[in-house]
Amino acid sequence: FYLIFCVSFLQSQEKLISKNGKIMFEASVPSY
């Protein structure tokens, strides 16, 4: 699986928290 991981953190103090990160995977074959 080829994964793309994207996450946007909101600035805070020592810990940054994100609740809407994204992961995409693709395993397609031509003609299918």
PDB file of all heavy atoms in Angstrom:
ATOM      1  N   PHE A   1       0.851  -1.186   0.000  1.00  0.00           N
ATOM      2  CA  PHE A   1       0.000   0.000   0.000  1.00  0.00           C
ATOM      3  C   PHE A   1       0.886   1.236   0.000  1.00  0.00           C
ATOM      4  O   PHE A   1       1.829   1.330   0.770  1.00  0.00           O
ATOM      5  CB  PHE A   1      -0.886   0.028   1.259  1.00  0.00           C
ATOM      6  CG  PHE A   1      -1.953  -0.993   1.270  1.00  0.00           C
ATOM      7  CD1 PHE A   1      -1.897  -2.064   2.144  1.00  0.00           C
ATOM      8  CD2 PHE A   1      -3.026  -0.909   0.393  1.00  0.00           C
ATOM      9  CE1 PHE A   1      -2.893  -3.018   2.170  1.00  0.00           C
ATOM     10  CE2 PHE A   1      -4.033  -1.859   0.412  1.00  0.00           C
ATOM     11  CZ  PHE A   1      -3.958  -2.911   1.307  1.00  0.00           C
ATOM     12  N   TYR A   2       0.555   2.181  -0.849  1.00  0.00           N
ATOM     13  CA  TYR A   2       1.274   3.446  -0.875  1.00  0.00           C
ATOM     14  C   TYR A   2       0.432   4.450  -0.118  1.00  0.00           C
ATOM     15  O   TYR A   2      -0.678   4.763  -0.521  1.00  0.00           O
ATOM     16  CB  TYR A   2       1.477   3.903  -2.321  1.00  0.00           C
ATOM     17  CG  TYR A   2       2.514   4.980  -2.495  1.00  0.00           C
ATOM     18  CD1 TYR A   2       3.808   4.647  -2.869  1.00  0.00           C
ATOM     19  CD2 TYR A   2       2.198   6.309  -2.301  1.00  0.00           C
ATOM     20  CE1 TYR A   2       4.756   5.624  -3.054  1.00  0.00           C
ATOM     21  CE2 TYR A   2       3.145   7.290  -2.470  1.00  0.00           C
ATOM     22  CZ  TYR A   2       4.427   6.944  -2.852  1.00  0.00           C
ATOM     23  OH  TYR A   2       5.369   7.927  -3.025  1.00  0.00           O
ATOM     24  N   LEU A   3       0.948   4.921   0.995  1.00  0.00           N
ATOM     25  CA  LEU A   3       0.169   5.766   1.879  1.00  0.00           C
ATOM     26  C   LEU A   3       0.617   7.221   1.813  1.00  0.00           C
ATOM     27  O   LEU A   3       1.803   7.506   1.730  1.00  0.00           O
ATOM     28  CB  LEU A   3       0.297   5.288   3.333  1.00  0.00           C
ATOM     29  CG  LEU A   3      -0.145   3.855   3.610  1.00  0.00           C
ATOM     30  CD1 LEU A   3       0.027   3.548   5.081  1.00  0.00           C
ATOM     31  CD2 LEU A   3      -1.597   3.650   3.211  1.00  0.00           C
ATOM     32  N   ILE A   4      -0.330   8.103   1.864  1.00  0.00           N
ATOM     33  CA  ILE A   4      -0.047   9.524   2.008  1.00  0.00           C
ATOM     34  C   ILE A   4      -0.616   9.959   3.342  1.00  0.00           C
ATOM     35  O   ILE A   4      -1.800   9.791   3.602  1.00  0.00           O
ATOM     36  CB  ILE A   4      -0.689  10.352   0.879  1.00  0.00           C
ATOM     37  CG1 ILE A   4      -0.146   9.901  -0.468  1.00  0.00           C
ATOM     38  CG2 ILE A   4      -0.410  11.836   1.071  1.00  0.00           C
ATOM     39  CD1 ILE A   4      -0.825  10.594  -1.630  1.00  0.00           C
ATOM     40  N   PHE A   5       0.248  10.511   4.162  1.00  0.00           N
ATOM     41  CA  PHE A   5      -0.171  10.924   5.494  1.00  0.00           C
ATOM     42  C   PHE A   5      -0.074  12.438   5.591  1.00  0.00           C
ATOM     43  O   PHE A   5       0.982  13.012   5.395  1.00  0.00           O
ATOM     44  CB  PHE A   5       0.735  10.272   6.542  1.00  0.00           C
ATOM     45  CG  PHE A   5       0.492  10.733   7.950  1.00  0.00           C
ATOM     46  CD1 PHE A   5      -0.637  10.320   8.636  1.00  0.00           C
ATOM     47  CD2 PHE A   5       1.395  11.564   8.594  1.00  0.00           C
ATOM     48  CE1 PHE A   5      -0.863  10.735   9.930  1.00  0.00           C
ATOM     49  CE2 PHE A   5       1.175  11.977   9.892  1.00  0.00           C
ATOM     50  CZ  PHE A   5       0.051  11.561  10.567  1.00  0.00           C
ATOM     51  N   CYS A   6      -1.178  13.109   5.853  1.00  0.00           N
ATOM     52  CA  CYS A   6      -1.205  14.561   5.996  1.00  0.00           C
ATOM     53  C   CYS A   6      -1.877  14.919   7.307  1.00  0.00           C
ATOM     54  O   CYS A   6      -2.946  14.415   7.612  1.00  0.00           O
ATOM     55  CB  CYS A   6      -1.976  15.219   4.852  1.00  0.00           C
ATOM     56  SG  CYS A   6      -1.258  14.992   3.229  1.00  0.00           S
ATOM     57  N   VAL A   7      -1.259  15.788   8.064  1.00  0.00           N
ATOM     58  CA  VAL A   7      -1.864  16.206   9.317  1.00  0.00           C
ATOM     59  C   VAL A   7      -1.531  17.668   9.574  1.00  0.00           C
ATOM     60  O   VAL A   7      -0.420  18.114   9.342  1.00  0.00           O
ATOM     61  CB  VAL A   7      -1.386  15.313  10.490  1.00  0.00           C
ATOM     62  CG1 VAL A   7       0.113  15.350  10.631  1.00  0.00           C
ATOM     63  CG2 VAL A   7      -2.055  15.731  11.800  1.00  0.00           C
ATOM     64  N   SER A   8      -2.526  18.404  10.016  1.00  0.00           N
ATOM     65  CA  SER A   8      -2.351  19.826  10.319  1.00  0.00           C
ATOM     66  C   SER A   8      -2.588  20.038  11.808  1.00  0.00           C
ATOM     67  O   SER A   8      -3.660  19.732  12.324  1.00  0.00           O
ATOM     68  CB  SER A   8      -3.339  20.670   9.505  1.00  0.00           C
ATOM     69  OG  SER A   8      -3.227  22.027   9.844  1.00  0.00           O
ATOM     70  N   PHE A   9      -1.559  20.521  12.503  1.00  0.00           N
ATOM     71  CA  PHE A   9      -1.654  20.732  13.939  1.00  0.00           C
ATOM     72  C   PHE A   9      -1.943  22.190  14.250  1.00  0.00           C
ATOM     73  O   PHE A   9      -1.383  23.095  13.623  1.00  0.00           O
ATOM     74  CB  PHE A   9      -0.329  20.367  14.633  1.00  0.00           C
ATOM     75  CG  PHE A   9       0.010  18.910  14.600  1.00  0.00           C
ATOM     76  CD1 PHE A   9       0.841  18.402  13.622  1.00  0.00           C
ATOM     77  CD2 PHE A   9      -0.497  18.039  15.545  1.00  0.00           C
ATOM     78  CE1 PHE A   9       1.170  17.063  13.589  1.00  0.00           C
ATOM     79  CE2 PHE A   9      -0.172  16.695  15.521  1.00  0.00           C
ATOM     80  CZ  PHE A   9       0.660  16.208  14.547  1.00  0.00           C
ATOM     81  N   LEU A  10      -2.789  22.422  15.234  1.00  0.00           N
ATOM     82  CA  LEU A  10      -3.014  23.763  15.741  1.00  0.00           C
ATOM     83  C   LEU A  10      -1.988  24.046  16.834  1.00  0.00           C
ATOM     84  O   LEU A  10      -1.734  23.205  17.688  1.00  0.00           O
ATOM     85  CB  LEU A  10      -4.439  23.907  16.298  1.00  0.00           C
ATOM     86  CG  LEU A  10      -5.564  23.728  15.278  1.00  0.00           C
ATOM     87  CD1 LEU A  10      -6.914  23.889  15.968  1.00  0.00           C
ATOM     88  CD2 LEU A  10      -5.435  24.747  14.160  1.00  0.00           C
ATOM     89  N   GLN A  11      -1.392  25.222  16.778  1.00  0.00           N
ATOM     90  CA  GLN A  11      -0.333  25.571  17.709  1.00  0.00           C
ATOM     91  C   GLN A  11      -0.873  25.691  19.130  1.00  0.00           C
ATOM     92  O   GLN A  11      -1.909  26.304  19.364  1.00  0.00           O
ATOM     93  CB  GLN A  11       0.320  26.895  17.299  1.00  0.00           C
ATOM     94  CG  GLN A  11       1.590  27.241  18.064  1.00  0.00           C
ATOM     95  CD  GLN A  11       2.759  26.395  17.618  1.00  0.00           C
ATOM     96  OE1 GLN A  11       2.924  26.135  16.434  1.00  0.00           O
ATOM     97  NE2 GLN A  11       3.562  25.963  18.556  1.00  0.00           N
ATOM     98  N   SER A  12      -0.163  25.111  20.086  1.00  0.00           N
ATOM     99  CA  SER A  12      -0.514  25.272  21.489  1.00  0.00           C
ATOM    100  C   SER A  12       0.779  25.386  22.284  1.00  0.00           C
ATOM    101  O   SER A  12       1.628  26.189  21.937  1.00  0.00           O
ATOM    102  CB  SER A  12      -1.371  24.099  21.972  1.00  0.00           C
ATOM    103  OG  SER A  12      -0.676  22.884  21.860  1.00  0.00           O
ATOM    104  N   GLN A  13       0.974  24.534  23.300  1.00  0.00           N
ATOM    105  CA  GLN A  13       2.181  24.622  24.103  1.00  0.00           C
ATOM    106  C   GLN A  13       3.123  23.464  23.766  1.00  0.00           C
ATOM    107  O   GLN A  13       3.638  23.401  22.672  1.00  0.00           O
ATOM    108  CB  GLN A  13       1.813  24.674  25.582  1.00  0.00           C
ATOM    109  CG  GLN A  13       0.973  25.915  25.929  1.00  0.00           C
ATOM    110  CD  GLN A  13       0.577  25.955  27.383  1.00  0.00           C
ATOM    111  OE1 GLN A  13       0.726  24.977  28.115  1.00  0.00           O
ATOM    112  NE2 GLN A  13       0.066  27.099  27.822  1.00  0.00           N
ATOM    113  N   GLU A  14       3.327  22.552  24.716  1.00  0.00           N
ATOM    114  CA  GLU A  14       4.274  21.472  24.478  1.00  0.00           C
ATOM    115  C   GLU A  14       3.722  20.403  23.548  1.00  0.00           C
ATOM    116  O   GLU A  14       4.489  19.720  22.870  1.00  0.00           O
ATOM    117  CB  GLU A  14       4.694  20.834  25.802  1.00  0.00           C
ATOM    118  CG  GLU A  14       5.567  21.722  26.660  1.00  0.00           C
ATOM    119  CD  GLU A  14       6.050  21.014  27.903  1.00  0.00           C
ATOM    120  OE1 GLU A  14       5.596  19.870  28.144  1.00  0.00           O
ATOM    121  OE2 GLU A  14       6.872  21.591  28.625  1.00  0.00           O
ATOM    122  N   LYS A  15       2.393  20.248  23.515  1.00  0.00           N
ATOM    123  CA  LYS A  15       1.788  19.217  22.682  1.00  0.00           C
ATOM    124  C   LYS A  15       0.834  19.842  21.670  1.00  0.00           C
ATOM    125  O   LYS A  15      -0.011  20.654  22.027  1.00  0.00           O
ATOM    126  CB  LYS A  15       1.046  18.187  23.537  1.00  0.00           C
ATOM    127  CG  LYS A  15       1.961  17.306  24.373  1.00  0.00           C
ATOM    128  CD  LYS A  15       1.173  16.235  25.098  1.00  0.00           C
ATOM    129  CE  LYS A  15       2.088  15.320  25.900  1.00  0.00           C
ATOM    130  NZ  LYS A  15       1.328  14.249  26.594  1.00  0.00           N
ATOM    131  N   LEU A  16       0.992  19.431  20.414  1.00  0.00           N
ATOM    132  CA  LEU A  16       0.097  19.874  19.360  1.00  0.00           C
ATOM    133  C   LEU A  16      -0.866  18.733  19.047  1.00  0.00           C
ATOM    134  O   LEU A  16      -0.459  17.569  18.954  1.00  0.00           O
ATOM    135  CB  LEU A  16       0.876  20.255  18.104  1.00  0.00           C
ATOM    136  CG  LEU A  16       2.018  21.258  18.286  1.00  0.00           C
ATOM    137  CD1 LEU A  16       2.591  21.629  16.929  1.00  0.00           C
ATOM    138  CD2 LEU A  16       1.534  22.505  19.008  1.00  0.00           C
ATOM    139  N   ILE A  17      -2.123  19.058  18.895  1.00  0.00           N
ATOM    140  CA  ILE A  17      -3.157  18.032  18.691  1.00  0.00           C
ATOM    141  C   ILE A  17      -3.920  18.289  17.399  1.00  0.00           C
ATOM    142  O   ILE A  17      -4.296  19.414  17.102  1.00  0.00           O
ATOM    143  CB  ILE A  17      -4.146  18.015  19.872  1.00  0.00           C
ATOM    144  CG1 ILE A  17      -3.420  17.692  21.181  1.00  0.00           C
ATOM    145  CG2 ILE A  17      -5.250  16.993  19.635  1.00  0.00           C
ATOM    146  CD1 ILE A  17      -4.304  17.805  22.421  1.00  0.00           C
ATOM    147  N   SER A  18      -4.110  17.227  16.629  1.00  0.00           N
ATOM    148  CA  SER A  18      -4.921  17.296  15.411  1.00  0.00           C
ATOM    149  C   SER A  18      -5.951  16.181  15.445  1.00  0.00           C
ATOM    150  O   SER A  18      -5.643  15.048  15.813  1.00  0.00           O
ATOM    151  CB  SER A  18      -4.046  17.150  14.161  1.00  0.00           C
ATOM    152  OG  SER A  18      -4.857  17.073  13.005  1.00  0.00           O
ATOM    153  N   LYS A  19      -7.189  16.508  15.058  1.00  0.00           N
ATOM    154  CA  LYS A  19      -8.268  15.520  15.028  1.00  0.00           C
ATOM    155  C   LYS A  19      -8.765  15.257  13.611  1.00  0.00           C
ATOM    156  O   LYS A  19      -9.732  14.530  13.430  1.00  0.00           O
ATOM    157  CB  LYS A  19      -9.428  15.994  15.914  1.00  0.00           C
ATOM    158  CG  LYS A  19      -9.038  16.254  17.354  1.00  0.00           C
ATOM    159  CD  LYS A  19     -10.180  16.867  18.134  1.00  0.00           C
ATOM    160  CE  LYS A  19      -9.768  17.235  19.543  1.00  0.00           C
ATOM    161  NZ  LYS A  19     -10.869  17.907  20.277  1.00  0.00           N
ATOM    162  N   ASN A  20      -8.106  15.876  12.626  1.00  0.00           N
ATOM    163  CA  ASN A  20      -8.577  15.709  11.243  1.00  0.00           C
ATOM    164  C   ASN A  20      -7.432  15.436  10.277  1.00  0.00           C
ATOM    165  O   ASN A  20      -7.398  15.950   9.170  1.00  0.00           O
ATOM    166  CB  ASN A  20      -9.378  16.933  10.796  1.00  0.00           C
ATOM    167  CG  ASN A  20      -8.556  18.219  10.865  1.00  0.00           C
ATOM    168  OD1 ASN A  20      -7.448  18.222  11.389  1.00  0.00           O
ATOM    169  ND2 ASN A  20      -9.101  19.292  10.346  1.00  0.00           N
ATOM    170  N   GLY A  21      -6.471  14.611  10.713  1.00  0.00           N
ATOM    171  CA  GLY A  21      -5.419  14.181   9.807  1.00  0.00           C
ATOM    172  C   GLY A  21      -6.000  13.298   8.720  1.00  0.00           C
ATOM    173  O   GLY A  21      -7.138  12.814   8.823  1.00  0.00           O
ATOM    174  N   LYS A  22      -5.237  13.083   7.655  1.00  0.00           N
ATOM    175  CA  LYS A  22      -5.732  12.301   6.518  1.00  0.00           C
ATOM    176  C   LYS A  22      -4.722  11.230   6.127  1.00  0.00           C
ATOM    177  O   LYS A  22      -3.527  11.479   6.109  1.00  0.00           O
ATOM    178  CB  LYS A  22      -5.995  13.207   5.320  1.00  0.00           C
ATOM    179  CG  LYS A  22      -7.031  14.291   5.578  1.00  0.00           C
ATOM    180  CD  LYS A  22      -7.227  15.169   4.352  1.00  0.00           C
ATOM    181  CE  LYS A  22      -8.161  16.329   4.672  1.00  0.00           C
ATOM    182  NZ  LYS A  22      -9.543  15.882   4.914  1.00  0.00           N
ATOM    183  N   ILE A  23      -5.229  10.048   5.791  1.00  0.00           N
ATOM    184  CA  ILE A  23      -4.413   8.977   5.226  1.00  0.00           C
ATOM    185  C   ILE A  23      -5.093   8.480   3.965  1.00  0.00           C
ATOM    186  O   ILE A  23      -6.285   8.189   3.968  1.00  0.00           O
ATOM    187  CB  ILE A  23      -4.235   7.796   6.206  1.00  0.00           C
ATOM    188  CG1 ILE A  23      -3.465   8.239   7.457  1.00  0.00           C
ATOM    189  CG2 ILE A  23      -3.498   6.652   5.519  1.00  0.00           C
ATOM    190  CD1 ILE A  23      -3.246   7.129   8.456  1.00  0.00           C
ATOM    191  N   MET A  24      -4.336   8.400   2.885  1.00  0.00           N
ATOM    192  CA  MET A  24      -4.852   7.866   1.632  1.00  0.00           C
ATOM    193  C   MET A  24      -3.966   6.727   1.167  1.00  0.00           C
ATOM    194  O   MET A  24      -2.746   6.795   1.324  1.00  0.00           O
ATOM    195  CB  MET A  24      -4.877   8.949   0.543  1.00  0.00           C
ATOM    196  CG  MET A  24      -5.548   8.486  -0.743  1.00  0.00           C
ATOM    197  SD  MET A  24      -5.362   9.676  -2.117  1.00  0.00           S
ATOM    198  CE  MET A  24      -3.739   9.203  -2.707  1.00  0.00           C
ATOM    199  N   PHE A  25      -4.560   5.674   0.650  1.00  0.00           N
ATOM    200  CA  PHE A  25      -3.753   4.639   0.014  1.00  0.00           C
ATOM    201  C   PHE A  25      -4.336   4.284  -1.341  1.00  0.00           C
ATOM    202  O   PHE A  25      -5.536   4.436  -1.593  1.00  0.00           O
ATOM    203  CB  PHE A  25      -3.606   3.387   0.899  1.00  0.00           C
ATOM    204  CG  PHE A  25      -4.808   2.480   0.926  1.00  0.00           C
ATOM    205  CD1 PHE A  25      -5.043   1.567  -0.086  1.00  0.00           C
ATOM    206  CD2 PHE A  25      -5.686   2.518   1.998  1.00  0.00           C
ATOM    207  CE1 PHE A  25      -6.146   0.719  -0.058  1.00  0.00           C
ATOM    208  CE2 PHE A  25      -6.787   1.673   2.043  1.00  0.00           C
ATOM    209  CZ  PHE A  25      -7.014   0.781   1.023  1.00  0.00           C
ATOM    210  N   GLU A  26      -3.473   3.825  -2.234  1.00  0.00           N
ATOM    211  CA  GLU A  26      -3.908   3.418  -3.563  1.00  0.00           C
ATOM    212  C   GLU A  26      -3.110   2.198  -4.005  1.00  0.00           C
ATOM    213  O   GLU A  26      -1.898   2.123  -3.787  1.00  0.00           O
ATOM    214  CB  GLU A  26      -3.724   4.550  -4.574  1.00  0.00           C
ATOM    215  CG  GLU A  26      -4.236   4.176  -5.958  1.00  0.00           C
ATOM    216  CD  GLU A  26      -4.307   5.351  -6.903  1.00  0.00           C
ATOM    217  OE1 GLU A  26      -4.084   6.479  -6.452  1.00  0.00           O
ATOM    218  OE2 GLU A  26      -4.584   5.126  -8.087  1.00  0.00           O
ATOM    219  N   ALA A  27      -3.789   1.245  -4.593  1.00  0.00           N
ATOM    220  CA  ALA A  27      -3.151   0.026  -5.107  1.00  0.00           C
ATOM    221  C   ALA A  27      -3.836  -0.376  -6.405  1.00  0.00           C
ATOM    222  O   ALA A  27      -4.229  -1.517  -6.597  1.00  0.00           O
ATOM    223  CB  ALA A  27      -3.242  -1.091  -4.069  1.00  0.00           C
ATOM    224  N   SER A  28      -3.976   0.591  -7.314  1.00  0.00           N
ATOM    225  CA  SER A  28      -4.698   0.355  -8.565  1.00  0.00           C
ATOM    226  C   SER A  28      -3.814  -0.296  -9.620  1.00  0.00           C
ATOM    227  O   SER A  28      -2.589  -0.164  -9.617  1.00  0.00           O
ATOM    228  CB  SER A  28      -5.240   1.681  -9.115  1.00  0.00           C
ATOM    229  OG  SER A  28      -6.096   2.296  -8.189  1.00  0.00           O
ATOM    230  N   VAL A  29      -4.455  -1.005 -10.536  1.00  0.00           N
ATOM    231  CA  VAL A  29      -3.796  -1.639 -11.674  1.00  0.00           C
ATOM    232  C   VAL A  29      -4.461  -1.138 -12.952  1.00  0.00           C
ATOM    233  O   VAL A  29      -5.698  -1.073 -13.014  1.00  0.00           O
ATOM    234  CB  VAL A  29      -3.920  -3.177 -11.587  1.00  0.00           C
ATOM    235  CG1 VAL A  29      -3.381  -3.835 -12.856  1.00  0.00           C
ATOM    236  CG2 VAL A  29      -3.169  -3.703 -10.372  1.00  0.00           C
ATOM    237  N   PRO A  30      -3.674  -0.769 -13.990  1.00  0.00           N
ATOM    238  CA  PRO A  30      -4.274  -0.311 -15.252  1.00  0.00           C
ATOM    239  C   PRO A  30      -5.281  -1.319 -15.802  1.00  0.00           C
ATOM    240  O   PRO A  30      -5.084  -2.533 -15.688  1.00  0.00           O
ATOM    241  CB  PRO A  30      -3.064  -0.167 -16.175  1.00  0.00           C
ATOM    242  CG  PRO A  30      -1.920   0.100 -15.252  1.00  0.00           C
ATOM    243  CD  PRO A  30      -2.201  -0.723 -14.021  1.00  0.00           C
ATOM    244  N   SER A  31      -6.355  -0.799 -16.371  1.00  0.00           N
ATOM    245  CA  SER A  31      -7.425  -1.606 -16.991  1.00  0.00           C
ATOM    246  C   SER A  31      -8.371  -2.233 -15.972  1.00  0.00           C
ATOM    247  O   SER A  31      -9.315  -2.931 -16.352  1.00  0.00           O
ATOM    248  CB  SER A  31      -6.845  -2.712 -17.896  1.00  0.00           C
ATOM    249  OG  SER A  31      -6.044  -2.146 -18.916  1.00  0.00           O
ATOM    250  N   TYR A  32      -8.129  -2.011 -14.694  1.00  0.00           N
ATOM    251  CA  TYR A  32      -9.034  -2.520 -13.665  1.00  0.00           C
ATOM    252  C   TYR A  32      -9.613  -1.364 -12.864  1.00  0.00           C
ATOM    253  O   TYR A  32      -9.151  -0.223 -12.958  1.00  0.00           O
ATOM    254  CB  TYR A  32      -8.307  -3.493 -12.721  1.00  0.00           C
ATOM    255  CG  TYR A  32      -8.006  -4.837 -13.355  1.00  0.00           C
ATOM    256  CD1 TYR A  32      -6.753  -5.105 -13.908  1.00  0.00           C
ATOM    257  CD2 TYR A  32      -8.979  -5.835 -13.402  1.00  0.00           C
ATOM    258  CE1 TYR A  32      -6.480  -6.336 -14.485  1.00  0.00           C
ATOM    259  CE2 TYR A  32      -8.713  -7.068 -13.973  1.00  0.00           C
ATOM    260  CZ  TYR A  32      -7.456  -7.312 -14.517  1.00  0.00           C
ATOM    261  OH  TYR A  32      -7.192  -8.528 -15.089  1.00  0.00           O
TER     262      TYR A  32
END
